[in-house]
Amino acid sequence: MKTKTALWLCFLGAAWLASAAAAPVKTEGGLVEGTVADGLTIYRGIPLGAPPVGFLRWRPPQPAAKWSGTIQADKFAPSCMQGGGAPNAKAKAPAPQGPGISEDCLYLNVWTPAKSASDRLPVLVWIYGGGFTGGATSVPVNSGEQLAKKGVVFVSIAYRVGPLGFMAHPGLTAESKNHSSGNYGTLDMIAGLQWVQNNIAAFGGNPGKVTIMGESAGGIAVSQLCASPLAKGLFQGAISESGGSFGPTRSIGMPGENMVHLADAERAGEAYAKTVGAASIEDLRKLPAEKVLETARGQQGLGWPIVDGWAIPDDQYRLYEAKRYNDTPILVGYNSDEGASFQPPRTPEAYITATRQRYGPFADSLLKLYPTQETVVPKTARDLTRDAAFGWQTWTWVRLQSKTGKGKAFLYYFDQHPDYPADSLQAGRGSPHASEMSYVFQHLNAQATPEDHVISDAMATYWTNFAKRGDPNGEGVPKWLAFSDANPSVMYFSKTAHEGPVPNTEAVKGLDAYFAWRRTPEGAKFGSGK
């Protein structure tokens, strides 16, 4: 009996230690206390900026007020206000978890395996996706414990989304000493990276070894931070999953060509203000946040980063051509069936019509490169959306990086999925948008196969190796060659991790010709309504 009692007490003691409070850590703002679980110390809900409410709505983030005492950093903060919808964000974002949504949302989270502040471990900073209209640090699939266990400090940062994060307006531009408006969510990310520089050493991290990492809108944001002068020196590596922002600007954004200039974004902000009867920025700031989301729903140009001349100074393709970017190693890629997630046309006729409207004089050649069938829209046709929004973006990114930069470029292609029966509704399906995340974060479900676990371990190992060395290679994983035009090698994640060629190379080159034309005076007018 005594033996059983002793064992039970040992079990209770181990369970208590697994979730015990950690010693407080001193940050710039004050002391924070996390929890200890499974060999990690975890801090949730650390302030990274002042609440962007009232006078601070639609302004760059300001430092959080210092606090006395100790913050119990043991739960996620509310997610940023979201739910308004946006024409450019048709893939559904993961639902936020935890304590609801709020304008008071500028917080971050830290998972650290460090035993002391002197460990100086590499740092991975996660930027969530969600079409710039949604997303949260509390989404379970993006929880950082498994990556942290591989020897990195993992940080996830929140940023404003939708019209509260990206709306521009002439009145807001007039307020700015930088003659800019919009991109407040981008500035939140930069503030988060500045927080990491100033504070992460106290959590055992190395501020000189920071890698930024994101998926979808987060991956697009990573590419934009790579070209933002405001982010210079704040990171030493970049990972983008299904991201990139190398398409030309348009007056009205399209997938793969989402960026608009400040003047066009300001006009969209003015049009919105008229719909709500706001005569001034003060009137707009008085609107309840829920009212802003409700009244902005469906309006173009209010919920995406823009070329503002300051945070994002120009068309990113041109910035890379001119070597005006933050040159670091990059690891980027996309999934085999991204197009299945973005409302593909239901009929061949609808696909052909949409292609002619979007691509004009290039439609015929692209319809041959991305053919449909007589009665169904197969993957070959869906791949046009995949490549316009993701495939061409990442291919262009690694090409420009390998040509103009010193940092190495690594390209991957994720194609891990069940082998669907030929007579099933999913026959011919590949890996949809965001399906790689559970593999990277090692949060596979109970139905995962041995092959799934092999792929997951390989991806998590490559990602954390990259954070440690700027190179994904290391023991226990196949050799991953850096990309160049002379050696256009791609790492495939499909049943195994193995090298392969750029998927659909000739079709991607056909898109490249279209995007090059869109940067000519003739092409710039196409689809602009001017």
Protein backbone atom coordinates (compact mmCIF):
# COMPACT_ATOMS: atom_id res chain seq x y z
CA MET A 1 0.00 0.00 0.00
CA LYS A 2 2.83 2.38 0.92
CA THR A 3 4.47 1.60 -2.43
CA LYS A 4 1.27 2.46 -4.36
CA THR A 5 0.88 5.69 -2.37
CA ALA A 6 4.46 6.68 -3.08
CA LEU A 7 4.03 5.99 -6.79
CA TRP A 8 0.82 8.04 -6.85
CA LEU A 9 2.54 10.96 -5.11
CA CYS A 10 5.42 10.75 -7.61
CA PHE A 11 2.89 10.84 -10.46
CA LEU A 12 1.17 13.90 -9.00
CA GLY A 13 4.53 15.59 -8.49
CA ALA A 14 5.55 14.93 -12.09
CA ALA A 15 2.22 16.26 -13.39
CA TRP A 16 2.62 19.41 -11.26
CA LEU A 17 6.17 19.97 -12.50
CA ALA A 18 5.02 19.51 -16.11
CA SER A 19 2.82 22.59 -15.81
CA ALA A 20 4.63 24.53 -13.10
CA ALA A 21 5.18 28.26 -13.30
CA ALA A 22 8.58 29.37 -14.56
CA ALA A 23 10.75 31.98 -12.91
CA PRO A 24 9.79 35.48 -14.10
CA VAL A 25 11.71 36.89 -17.08
CA LYS A 26 12.47 40.59 -17.39
CA THR A 27 11.41 42.26 -20.65
CA GLU A 28 11.51 45.93 -21.61
CA GLY A 29 7.93 46.32 -20.41
CA GLY A 30 8.28 44.40 -17.16
CA LEU A 31 8.32 40.90 -15.71
CA VAL A 32 6.47 38.00 -17.36
CA GLU A 33 5.92 34.55 -15.93
CA GLY A 34 5.27 31.54 -18.15
CA THR A 35 4.56 27.88 -17.55
CA VAL A 36 6.81 24.83 -17.80
CA ALA A 37 5.53 21.88 -19.82
CA ASP A 38 7.31 18.89 -21.34
CA GLY A 39 10.79 20.41 -21.18
CA LEU A 40 9.74 23.83 -22.54
CA THR A 41 8.91 27.15 -20.97
CA ILE A 42 5.90 28.71 -22.67
CA TYR A 43 4.76 32.33 -22.50
CA ARG A 44 1.39 33.28 -24.00
CA GLY A 45 0.00 36.79 -24.31
CA ILE A 46 3.08 39.02 -23.87
CA PRO A 47 2.29 42.63 -24.96
CA LEU A 48 4.27 43.70 -28.02
CA GLY A 49 2.54 47.07 -28.50
CA ALA A 50 -0.01 49.44 -27.05
CA PRO A 51 -3.67 48.57 -27.82
CA PRO A 52 -4.32 50.12 -31.29
CA VAL A 53 -7.66 51.59 -30.26
CA GLY A 54 -9.23 55.06 -30.23
CA PHE A 55 -6.60 57.62 -31.22
CA LEU A 56 -4.17 54.78 -32.11
CA ARG A 57 -6.50 53.07 -34.60
CA TRP A 58 -4.95 53.25 -38.10
CA ARG A 59 -1.61 54.38 -36.74
CA PRO A 60 1.76 52.61 -36.60
CA PRO A 61 2.08 50.45 -33.48
CA GLN A 62 3.28 52.18 -30.36
CA PRO A 63 5.30 50.63 -27.49
CA ALA A 64 3.32 48.87 -24.82
CA ALA A 65 3.06 50.73 -21.53
CA LYS A 66 5.44 49.44 -18.86
CA TRP A 67 3.81 47.51 -16.05
CA SER A 68 4.55 46.89 -12.42
CA GLY A 69 4.43 43.46 -10.89
CA THR A 70 4.45 40.31 -13.03
CA ILE A 71 2.22 39.41 -15.98
CA GLN A 72 1.00 35.81 -15.84
CA ALA A 73 1.69 34.90 -19.47
CA ASP A 74 -0.28 31.67 -19.38
CA LYS A 75 -3.05 32.16 -21.96
CA PHE A 76 -3.43 33.50 -25.48
CA ALA A 77 -4.58 37.06 -25.94
CA PRO A 78 -7.64 37.81 -28.08
CA SER A 79 -7.17 37.57 -31.84
CA CYS A 80 -7.26 40.75 -33.90
CA MET A 81 -10.67 41.90 -35.15
CA GLN A 82 -11.71 39.87 -38.17
CA GLY A 83 -14.67 38.51 -40.04
CA GLY A 84 -15.29 41.18 -42.65
CA GLY A 85 -14.32 39.08 -45.66
CA ALA A 86 -12.26 40.15 -48.68
CA PRO A 87 -12.36 39.42 -52.40
CA ASN A 88 -8.69 38.34 -52.48
CA ALA A 89 -8.95 35.88 -49.58
CA LYS A 90 -11.15 33.05 -50.74
CA ALA A 91 -9.40 30.22 -48.89
CA LYS A 92 -10.91 29.90 -45.44
CA ALA A 93 -8.52 30.80 -42.64
CA PRO A 94 -8.25 28.54 -39.58
CA ALA A 95 -10.65 29.66 -36.86
CA PRO A 96 -9.07 31.56 -33.97
CA GLN A 97 -8.99 29.74 -30.65
CA GLY A 98 -9.04 31.13 -27.13
CA PRO A 99 -10.57 34.33 -25.76
CA GLY A 100 -12.38 35.81 -28.76
CA ILE A 101 -11.40 38.81 -30.87
CA SER A 102 -10.56 42.39 -29.97
CA GLU A 103 -8.91 45.54 -31.26
CA ASP A 104 -6.60 45.16 -28.27
CA CYS A 105 -4.67 42.30 -29.87
CA LEU A 106 -0.97 43.16 -30.21
CA TYR A 107 0.58 40.32 -28.26
CA LEU A 108 3.06 37.53 -28.90
CA ASN A 109 3.92 34.08 -27.56
CA VAL A 110 7.21 32.29 -26.88
CA TRP A 111 8.08 28.59 -26.65
CA THR A 112 11.66 28.11 -25.46
CA PRO A 113 13.71 24.99 -24.66
CA ALA A 114 16.51 27.16 -23.23
CA LYS A 115 17.69 26.38 -19.72
CA SER A 116 19.23 29.81 -19.23
CA ALA A 117 19.49 33.20 -20.92
CA SER A 118 23.02 32.33 -21.99
CA ASP A 119 21.91 29.49 -24.31
CA ARG A 120 21.62 31.84 -27.33
CA LEU A 121 19.43 29.50 -29.37
CA PRO A 122 18.28 30.34 -32.91
CA VAL A 123 14.84 31.94 -33.15
CA LEU A 124 11.90 31.13 -35.46
CA VAL A 125 9.27 33.88 -35.73
CA TRP A 126 5.87 32.73 -37.06
CA ILE A 127 3.58 35.06 -39.03
CA TYR A 128 0.12 33.57 -39.51
CA GLY A 129 -1.88 33.40 -42.72
CA GLY A 130 -5.53 34.15 -43.35
CA GLY A 131 -5.67 36.30 -46.47
CA PHE A 132 -4.73 39.39 -44.42
CA THR A 133 -8.34 39.37 -43.22
CA GLY A 134 -8.07 36.67 -40.56
CA GLY A 135 -5.70 34.47 -38.62
CA ALA A 136 -4.46 34.11 -35.07
CA THR A 137 -1.49 32.95 -33.02
CA SER A 138 -3.78 30.59 -31.11
CA VAL A 139 -4.62 28.24 -34.01
CA PRO A 140 -3.66 24.78 -32.64
CA VAL A 141 -1.97 23.50 -35.80
CA ASN A 142 0.57 26.35 -35.52
CA SER A 143 1.44 25.71 -31.88
CA GLY A 144 5.23 25.84 -31.61
CA GLU A 145 6.12 23.17 -29.05
CA GLN A 146 7.33 20.48 -31.46
CA LEU A 147 9.61 22.83 -33.38
CA ALA A 148 10.93 24.29 -30.13
CA LYS A 149 11.86 20.78 -28.99
CA LYS A 150 14.21 20.62 -31.98
CA GLY A 151 16.37 23.33 -30.44
CA VAL A 152 14.92 26.69 -31.45
CA VAL A 153 13.07 29.44 -29.61
CA PHE A 154 9.69 29.74 -31.34
CA VAL A 155 7.82 33.05 -31.34
CA SER A 156 4.39 33.79 -32.85
CA ILE A 157 3.36 37.41 -33.32
CA ALA A 158 -0.07 38.96 -33.86
CA TYR A 159 -0.82 41.69 -36.40
CA ARG A 160 -3.89 43.67 -37.37
CA VAL A 161 -5.86 42.32 -40.32
CA GLY A 162 -8.64 43.44 -42.67
CA PRO A 163 -9.64 47.11 -42.91
CA LEU A 164 -8.36 47.80 -39.38
CA GLY A 165 -4.95 46.54 -40.44
CA PHE A 166 -4.57 47.75 -44.01
CA MET A 167 -7.02 50.52 -44.98
CA ALA A 168 -5.43 53.61 -46.52
CA HIS A 169 -7.03 57.06 -46.77
CA PRO A 170 -5.78 60.55 -47.77
CA GLY A 171 -6.56 61.79 -44.26
CA LEU A 172 -4.44 59.05 -42.75
CA THR A 173 -1.63 59.79 -45.17
CA ALA A 174 -1.78 63.48 -44.21
CA GLU A 175 -1.35 62.52 -40.54
CA SER A 176 1.79 60.50 -41.27
CA LYS A 177 5.26 62.04 -41.13
CA ASN A 178 6.20 59.34 -43.65
CA HIS A 179 3.40 60.38 -46.07
CA SER A 180 1.95 56.89 -45.95
CA SER A 181 -1.14 55.03 -44.80
CA GLY A 182 -2.27 51.40 -44.83
CA ASN A 183 0.18 48.57 -44.02
CA TYR A 184 -0.49 48.86 -40.29
CA GLY A 185 -0.47 45.06 -40.04
CA THR A 186 2.93 45.00 -41.74
CA LEU A 187 4.20 47.56 -39.26
CA ASP A 188 2.89 45.35 -36.42
CA MET A 189 5.05 42.50 -37.76
CA ILE A 190 8.08 44.79 -37.81
CA ALA A 191 7.31 45.89 -34.24
CA GLY A 192 7.19 42.21 -33.27
CA LEU A 193 10.62 41.65 -34.83
CA GLN A 194 11.96 44.69 -33.00
CA TRP A 195 10.59 43.22 -29.76
CA VAL A 196 12.48 40.01 -30.54
CA GLN A 197 15.70 41.98 -31.06
CA ASN A 198 15.29 43.76 -27.73
CA ASN A 199 13.96 40.94 -25.55
CA ILE A 200 14.54 37.44 -26.88
CA ALA A 201 17.97 37.04 -25.24
CA ALA A 202 16.21 36.93 -21.86
CA PHE A 203 14.35 33.82 -23.10
CA GLY A 204 17.56 32.09 -24.20
CA GLY A 205 17.30 33.21 -27.83
CA ASN A 206 19.90 34.74 -30.11
CA PRO A 207 18.73 38.08 -31.58
CA GLY A 208 21.46 37.73 -34.21
CA LYS A 209 20.00 34.44 -35.49
CA VAL A 210 16.35 35.11 -36.31
CA THR A 211 14.40 33.43 -39.10
CA ILE A 212 10.97 34.69 -40.11
CA MET A 213 8.42 32.11 -41.22
CA GLY A 214 4.89 32.30 -42.57
CA GLU A 215 2.25 30.57 -44.66
CA SER A 216 -0.17 31.98 -47.28
CA ALA A 217 -0.67 35.64 -46.33
CA GLY A 218 2.04 35.07 -43.74
CA GLY A 219 4.34 33.77 -46.49
CA ILE A 220 3.49 36.78 -48.64
CA ALA A 221 4.29 38.98 -45.64
CA VAL A 222 7.65 37.22 -45.25
CA SER A 223 8.54 38.09 -48.84
CA GLN A 224 7.46 41.70 -48.29
CA LEU A 225 9.57 41.94 -45.14
CA CYS A 226 12.48 40.68 -47.22
CA ALA A 227 12.05 43.80 -49.35
CA SER A 228 11.16 46.31 -46.63
CA PRO A 229 13.87 48.74 -45.59
CA LEU A 230 12.13 49.01 -42.21
CA ALA A 231 12.93 45.33 -41.52
CA LYS A 232 16.62 45.57 -42.40
CA GLY A 233 18.77 43.72 -39.87
CA LEU A 234 15.83 42.27 -37.96
CA PHE A 235 16.21 38.72 -39.32
CA GLN A 236 18.84 36.51 -40.93
CA GLY A 237 16.69 33.96 -42.76
CA ALA A 238 13.23 33.62 -44.32
CA ILE A 239 10.84 30.68 -44.78
CA SER A 240 7.70 31.09 -46.88
CA GLU A 241 5.06 28.42 -47.38
CA SER A 242 2.72 29.23 -50.29
CA GLY A 243 3.70 32.89 -50.35
CA GLY A 244 5.63 35.45 -52.37
CA SER A 245 4.62 38.85 -53.72
CA PHE A 246 6.37 39.34 -57.04
CA GLY A 247 3.46 40.13 -59.36
CA PRO A 248 3.10 43.60 -60.89
CA THR A 249 0.82 46.18 -59.29
CA ARG A 250 -2.74 46.71 -60.50
CA SER A 251 -5.36 49.32 -59.75
CA ILE A 252 -7.60 46.45 -58.60
CA GLY A 253 -5.83 43.44 -57.11
CA MET A 254 -6.02 39.92 -58.52
CA PRO A 255 -4.52 36.67 -57.12
CA GLY A 256 -0.80 36.89 -57.87
CA GLU A 257 -1.15 40.58 -58.70
CA ASN A 258 -2.60 41.77 -55.41
CA MET A 259 -0.53 44.88 -54.80
CA VAL A 260 -1.91 48.36 -55.50
CA HIS A 261 -0.25 51.74 -55.11
CA LEU A 262 -1.04 54.14 -52.29
CA ALA A 263 -3.14 56.45 -54.47
CA ASP A 264 -5.47 53.60 -55.53
CA ALA A 265 -5.73 52.37 -51.95
CA GLU A 266 -6.53 55.89 -50.75
CA ARG A 267 -9.40 56.09 -53.23
CA ALA A 268 -10.76 52.82 -51.87
CA GLY A 269 -10.55 54.25 -48.34
CA GLU A 270 -12.36 57.42 -49.42
CA ALA A 271 -15.11 55.36 -51.04
CA TYR A 272 -15.53 53.37 -47.86
CA ALA A 273 -15.73 56.52 -45.70
CA LYS A 274 -18.56 57.78 -47.90
CA THR A 275 -20.53 54.57 -47.47
CA VAL A 276 -20.55 55.06 -43.68
CA GLY A 277 -21.09 58.82 -43.82
CA ALA A 278 -17.74 59.62 -42.22
CA ALA A 279 -16.62 63.17 -43.00
CA SER A 280 -13.26 62.81 -41.28
CA ILE A 281 -10.75 60.32 -39.90
CA GLU A 282 -12.03 61.22 -36.44
CA ASP A 283 -15.49 60.05 -37.51
CA LEU A 284 -14.01 56.77 -38.75
CA ARG A 285 -12.15 56.24 -35.48
CA LYS A 286 -15.39 56.67 -33.55
CA LEU A 287 -17.02 53.72 -35.34
CA PRO A 288 -17.17 50.52 -33.28
CA ALA A 289 -14.70 47.97 -34.64
CA GLU A 290 -17.58 45.57 -35.34
CA LYS A 291 -19.26 48.26 -37.44
CA VAL A 292 -16.08 48.76 -39.48
CA LEU A 293 -15.93 45.05 -40.28
CA GLU A 294 -19.63 44.87 -41.11
CA THR A 295 -19.69 47.91 -43.40
CA ALA A 296 -16.38 47.06 -45.13
CA ARG A 297 -17.47 43.55 -46.05
CA GLY A 298 -17.03 42.90 -49.76
CA GLN A 299 -15.43 46.26 -50.58
CA GLN A 300 -12.28 46.18 -52.70
CA GLY A 301 -8.92 47.58 -51.65
CA LEU A 302 -9.30 47.72 -47.86
CA GLY A 303 -7.62 44.57 -46.59
CA TRP A 304 -4.27 43.89 -48.28
CA PRO A 305 -0.75 45.37 -48.02
CA ILE A 306 0.02 48.09 -50.55
CA VAL A 307 2.99 49.77 -52.19
CA ASP A 308 3.06 52.79 -49.89
CA GLY A 309 6.56 54.07 -50.69
CA TRP A 310 7.71 53.55 -47.10
CA ALA A 311 7.16 50.12 -45.52
CA ILE A 312 6.81 48.59 -49.00
CA PRO A 313 8.65 51.00 -51.30
CA ASP A 314 7.99 49.52 -54.76
CA ASP A 315 7.02 46.54 -56.90
CA GLN A 316 8.98 43.74 -55.22
CA TYR A 317 10.17 42.24 -58.51
CA ARG A 318 11.82 45.54 -59.39
CA LEU A 319 13.31 45.85 -55.90
CA TYR A 320 14.97 42.45 -56.29
CA GLU A 321 16.18 43.26 -59.78
CA ALA A 322 17.83 46.39 -58.35
CA LYS A 323 19.24 44.43 -55.36
CA ARG A 324 17.24 46.64 -53.00
CA TYR A 325 16.18 43.99 -50.52
CA ASN A 326 17.24 42.27 -47.30
CA ASP A 327 19.57 39.58 -48.60
CA THR A 328 19.25 36.42 -46.49
CA PRO A 329 18.99 32.70 -47.24
CA ILE A 330 15.44 31.71 -48.15
CA LEU A 331 13.48 28.44 -48.01
CA VAL A 332 10.25 28.70 -50.00
CA GLY A 333 7.72 26.47 -51.69
CA TYR A 334 4.10 25.60 -52.45
CA ASN A 335 1.61 22.73 -52.58
CA SER A 336 0.61 20.61 -55.53
CA ASP A 337 -3.11 21.47 -55.63
CA GLU A 338 -3.37 25.00 -54.22
CA GLY A 339 -5.96 25.79 -56.89
CA ALA A 340 -8.47 23.39 -55.33
CA SER A 341 -8.80 25.73 -52.33
CA PHE A 342 -9.65 28.97 -54.13
CA GLN A 343 -13.10 28.44 -55.65
CA PRO A 344 -12.06 26.97 -59.01
CA PRO A 345 -14.53 27.43 -61.88
CA ARG A 346 -17.15 24.71 -61.85
CA THR A 347 -17.39 24.24 -65.60
CA PRO A 348 -14.88 24.25 -68.46
CA GLU A 349 -16.79 27.14 -70.03
CA ALA A 350 -16.48 29.21 -66.86
CA TYR A 351 -12.75 28.42 -66.67
CA ILE A 352 -12.15 29.47 -70.28
CA THR A 353 -14.15 32.69 -69.86
CA ALA A 354 -12.33 33.61 -66.65
CA THR A 355 -8.94 32.91 -68.24
CA ARG A 356 -9.71 35.14 -71.23
CA GLN A 357 -10.89 37.96 -68.96
CA ARG A 358 -7.84 37.72 -66.70
CA TYR A 359 -5.04 37.06 -69.18
CA GLY A 360 -6.20 38.76 -72.39
CA PRO A 361 -3.77 38.14 -75.27
CA PHE A 362 -2.01 35.41 -73.27
CA ALA A 363 -5.19 33.41 -72.66
CA ASP A 364 -4.89 31.08 -75.65
CA SER A 365 -1.34 30.04 -74.85
CA LEU A 366 -2.15 29.58 -71.16
CA LEU A 367 -5.23 27.50 -71.97
CA LYS A 368 -2.93 25.14 -73.89
CA LEU A 369 -0.42 25.05 -71.04
CA TYR A 370 -3.17 24.61 -68.42
CA PRO A 371 -5.82 22.64 -70.34
CA THR A 372 -9.31 21.79 -69.20
CA GLN A 373 -11.50 18.90 -70.31
CA GLU A 374 -14.84 18.80 -72.06
CA THR A 375 -17.02 18.16 -69.03
CA VAL A 376 -14.85 18.75 -65.92
CA VAL A 377 -12.23 21.22 -64.70
CA PRO A 378 -9.27 18.94 -63.88
CA LYS A 379 -6.14 19.64 -61.86
CA THR A 380 -4.31 20.74 -65.02
CA ALA A 381 -6.69 23.71 -65.19
CA ARG A 382 -6.69 24.37 -61.43
CA ASP A 383 -2.91 24.63 -61.63
CA LEU A 384 -3.22 27.96 -63.42
CA THR A 385 -4.55 29.49 -60.19
CA ARG A 386 -1.91 27.59 -58.21
CA ASP A 387 0.95 28.90 -60.30
CA ALA A 388 -0.32 32.47 -60.73
CA ALA A 389 -0.75 32.90 -56.98
CA PHE A 390 2.02 30.65 -55.62
CA GLY A 391 4.08 28.59 -58.08
CA TRP A 392 5.30 31.45 -60.26
CA GLN A 393 5.82 33.63 -57.18
CA THR A 394 8.14 31.14 -55.47
CA TRP A 395 9.93 30.17 -58.69
CA THR A 396 10.57 33.85 -59.41
CA TRP A 397 11.68 34.48 -55.84
CA VAL A 398 14.34 31.74 -55.83
CA ARG A 399 15.53 32.76 -59.30
CA LEU A 400 15.95 36.40 -58.31
CA GLN A 401 17.57 35.51 -54.98
CA SER A 402 20.04 33.09 -56.58
CA LYS A 403 20.92 35.61 -59.31
CA THR A 404 21.18 38.83 -57.33
CA GLY A 405 21.88 37.83 -53.72
CA LYS A 406 24.46 36.15 -51.56
CA GLY A 407 22.00 34.10 -49.49
CA LYS A 408 21.21 30.65 -50.83
CA ALA A 409 17.71 29.80 -52.09
CA PHE A 410 15.96 26.48 -51.42
CA LEU A 411 12.72 25.53 -53.22
CA TYR A 412 10.27 22.78 -52.21
CA TYR A 413 7.09 21.21 -53.62
CA PHE A 414 4.64 19.57 -51.20
CA ASP A 415 2.63 16.72 -52.71
CA GLN A 416 1.85 14.45 -49.76
CA HIS A 417 -1.73 13.20 -49.90
CA PRO A 418 -3.71 9.93 -50.05
CA ASP A 419 -3.83 8.02 -53.30
CA TYR A 420 -7.49 8.57 -54.11
CA PRO A 421 -9.36 5.84 -56.02
CA ALA A 422 -9.91 6.59 -59.69
CA ASP A 423 -13.70 6.36 -59.27
CA SER A 424 -13.87 8.68 -56.23
CA LEU A 425 -14.89 12.35 -56.14
CA GLN A 426 -11.34 13.21 -55.06
CA ALA A 427 -9.63 11.38 -57.92
CA GLY A 428 -6.79 13.45 -59.30
CA ARG A 429 -6.55 15.65 -56.22
CA GLY A 430 -3.21 16.76 -54.89
CA SER A 431 -2.25 18.62 -51.70
CA PRO A 432 -4.50 21.64 -51.10
CA HIS A 433 -3.58 25.01 -49.65
CA ALA A 434 -2.28 24.92 -46.04
CA SER A 435 -2.15 21.11 -45.90
CA GLU A 436 1.60 21.16 -45.25
CA MET A 437 1.28 22.99 -41.93
CA SER A 438 0.37 19.97 -39.80
CA TYR A 439 3.51 18.30 -41.18
CA VAL A 440 5.85 21.23 -40.55
CA PHE A 441 4.53 21.75 -37.01
CA GLN A 442 4.32 17.99 -36.37
CA HIS A 443 0.67 18.03 -35.40
CA LEU A 444 -0.54 15.10 -37.51
CA ASN A 445 -3.89 13.52 -36.71
CA ALA A 446 -4.57 9.94 -35.65
CA GLN A 447 -5.14 8.84 -39.26
CA ALA A 448 -1.58 9.77 -40.30
CA THR A 449 0.35 7.01 -42.08
CA PRO A 450 3.99 6.03 -41.52
CA GLU A 451 4.81 7.95 -44.72
CA ASP A 452 3.13 11.04 -43.26
CA HIS A 453 5.34 10.82 -40.18
CA VAL A 454 8.47 10.43 -42.32
CA ILE A 455 7.55 13.57 -44.29
CA SER A 456 6.64 15.48 -41.13
CA ASP A 457 9.92 14.69 -39.40
CA ALA A 458 11.89 15.59 -42.52
CA MET A 459 10.13 18.96 -42.92
CA ALA A 460 10.46 19.91 -39.24
CA THR A 461 14.14 18.92 -39.35
CA TYR A 462 14.83 20.89 -42.53
CA TRP A 463 12.98 23.97 -41.21
CA THR A 464 14.82 24.00 -37.87
CA ASN A 465 18.17 23.22 -39.51
CA PHE A 466 17.58 26.24 -41.70
CA ALA A 467 16.86 28.38 -38.64
CA LYS A 468 20.11 27.20 -37.06
CA ARG A 469 22.44 27.49 -40.07
CA GLY A 470 20.70 29.20 -42.97
CA ASP A 471 20.82 25.81 -44.70
CA PRO A 472 18.30 22.96 -44.32
CA ASN A 473 20.85 20.17 -44.64
CA GLY A 474 22.06 18.01 -41.77
CA GLU A 475 22.18 14.49 -40.41
CA GLY A 476 19.25 12.18 -40.99
CA VAL A 477 17.70 13.94 -44.00
CA PRO A 478 18.41 13.68 -47.75
CA LYS A 479 20.70 16.29 -49.30
CA TRP A 480 18.81 19.42 -50.43
CA LEU A 481 20.61 21.33 -53.17
CA ALA A 482 20.36 25.11 -53.40
CA PHE A 483 18.41 26.41 -56.39
CA SER A 484 19.92 28.20 -59.37
CA ASP A 485 19.00 28.54 -63.04
CA ALA A 486 21.96 26.25 -63.81
CA ASN A 487 20.67 23.73 -61.25
CA PRO A 488 16.88 24.25 -60.87
CA SER A 489 16.55 21.62 -58.17
CA VAL A 490 13.43 21.23 -56.03
CA MET A 491 12.90 19.19 -52.86
CA TYR A 492 9.73 17.10 -53.25
CA PHE A 493 7.77 16.02 -50.18
CA SER A 494 5.78 13.16 -51.65
CA LYS A 495 5.92 9.76 -49.88
CA THR A 496 9.60 10.53 -49.28
CA ALA A 497 11.77 13.62 -49.35
CA HIS A 498 13.60 13.59 -52.68
CA GLU A 499 15.01 15.93 -55.31
CA GLY A 500 13.10 16.67 -58.52
CA PRO A 501 12.61 19.28 -61.27
CA VAL A 502 10.51 22.43 -61.18
CA PRO A 503 6.90 21.24 -61.65
CA ASN A 504 5.20 22.22 -64.90
CA THR A 505 8.23 24.21 -66.03
CA GLU A 506 6.99 25.20 -69.49
CA ALA A 507 3.64 26.37 -68.10
CA VAL A 508 5.35 28.49 -65.44
CA LYS A 509 7.51 30.04 -68.17
CA GLY A 510 4.30 30.88 -70.05
CA LEU A 511 3.06 32.73 -66.97
CA ASP A 512 6.42 34.45 -66.73
CA ALA A 513 5.86 35.89 -70.21
CA TYR A 514 2.44 37.18 -69.12
CA PHE A 515 3.79 38.88 -65.98
CA ALA A 516 6.66 40.42 -68.00
CA TRP A 517 4.10 41.84 -70.45
CA ARG A 518 2.03 43.19 -67.58
CA ARG A 519 5.03 45.36 -66.64
CA THR A 520 5.08 46.98 -70.09
CA PRO A 521 3.06 50.16 -70.76
CA GLU A 522 0.60 48.14 -72.85
CA GLY A 523 0.25 45.41 -70.26
CA ALA A 524 -0.10 47.87 -67.39
CA LYS A 525 -3.24 49.29 -68.99
CA PHE A 526 -4.86 45.87 -69.41
CA GLY A 527 -7.55 45.26 -66.83
CA SER A 528 -7.01 48.63 -65.18
CA GLY A 529 -10.15 50.25 -66.51
CA LYS A 530 -8.06 53.22 -67.68
